[in-house]
Amino acid sequence: MYKYRGGPRINYAKCTGCKNCYDVCPPDIFDFDKRTKQVTVSYPEECWYCGSCLYDCPAEGAIELELPLACA
């Protein structure tokens, strides 16, 4: 099974569940689970690497943007 490398990763120990990344992401790669109040990365392969999720996140270090191997 092929696993996509790259895109945002969420550090749930630092994430506050504010949904800013969910709200500002242009390609809508995030989902929000209302039951757990956590954001998940559902479509990392569609990430534009624009960094809007990083810039609007109030918790420093909660999101890490990993570039795909072809860009690294």
Protein backbone atom coordinates (compact mmCIF):
# COMPACT_ATOMS: atom_id res chain seq x y z
CA MET A 1 0.00 0.00 0.00
CA TYR A 2 1.36 3.41 -0.98
CA LYS A 3 1.62 5.96 1.83
CA TYR A 4 1.82 9.61 0.82
CA ARG A 5 4.73 11.56 2.29
CA GLY A 6 4.37 15.26 2.85
CA GLY A 7 1.73 17.72 3.95
CA PRO A 8 0.80 18.97 7.39
CA ARG A 9 1.15 16.91 10.52
CA ILE A 10 -0.73 17.77 13.68
CA ASN A 11 0.86 17.52 17.12
CA TYR A 12 -2.22 16.70 19.20
CA ALA A 13 -0.37 17.43 22.45
CA LYS A 14 -0.15 21.10 21.39
CA CYS A 15 -3.34 21.42 19.31
CA THR A 16 -6.11 23.41 21.01
CA GLY A 17 -8.87 22.31 18.61
CA CYS A 18 -9.60 25.89 17.51
CA LYS A 19 -10.30 24.81 13.89
CA ASN A 20 -8.34 27.74 12.37
CA CYS A 21 -6.46 25.37 10.05
CA TYR A 22 -9.76 23.76 9.05
CA ASP A 23 -11.29 27.17 8.27
CA VAL A 24 -8.40 28.74 6.31
CA CYS A 25 -7.16 25.80 4.21
CA PRO A 26 -7.78 26.59 0.50
CA PRO A 27 -7.95 22.95 -0.75
CA ASP A 28 -9.89 21.73 2.35
CA ILE A 29 -7.54 18.92 3.35
CA PHE A 30 -8.65 18.96 7.00
CA ASP A 31 -11.67 17.36 8.66
CA PHE A 32 -13.02 18.14 12.12
CA ASP A 33 -14.34 15.42 14.41
CA LYS A 34 -17.06 17.00 16.55
CA ARG A 35 -17.02 14.11 19.00
CA THR A 36 -13.30 14.36 19.86
CA LYS A 37 -13.01 18.06 18.96
CA GLN A 38 -9.88 17.36 16.92
CA VAL A 39 -8.79 18.29 13.44
CA THR A 40 -7.47 15.49 11.21
CA VAL A 41 -5.56 15.61 7.95
CA SER A 42 -7.77 13.70 5.53
CA TYR A 43 -6.25 14.58 2.14
CA PRO A 44 -2.51 15.33 2.56
CA GLU A 45 -1.85 14.68 -1.14
CA GLU A 46 -3.98 17.73 -2.03
CA CYS A 47 -1.94 20.15 0.12
CA TRP A 48 -0.69 23.26 -1.73
CA TYR A 49 2.08 23.90 0.87
CA CYS A 50 0.86 27.51 1.17
CA GLY A 51 1.41 27.56 4.94
CA SER A 52 -1.92 29.20 5.78
CA CYS A 53 -2.57 26.53 8.42
CA LEU A 54 0.77 27.35 10.07
CA TYR A 55 0.29 31.12 10.00
CA ASP A 56 -3.21 31.05 11.50
CA CYS A 57 -2.50 28.47 14.19
CA PRO A 58 -2.40 30.09 17.67
CA ALA A 59 -0.50 27.16 19.22
CA GLU A 60 3.16 27.25 18.25
CA GLY A 61 4.36 23.84 17.06
CA ALA A 62 0.90 22.30 16.74
CA ILE A 63 1.26 21.96 12.95
CA GLU A 64 4.37 20.90 11.07
CA LEU A 65 4.42 21.22 7.29
CA GLU A 66 6.47 18.44 5.72
CA LEU A 67 7.51 18.91 2.09
CA PRO A 68 7.27 15.85 -0.17
CA LEU A 69 10.50 14.05 -1.03
CA ALA A 70 10.58 15.58 -4.51
CA CYS A 71 10.80 19.08 -2.98
CA ALA A 72 13.13 18.34 -0.09
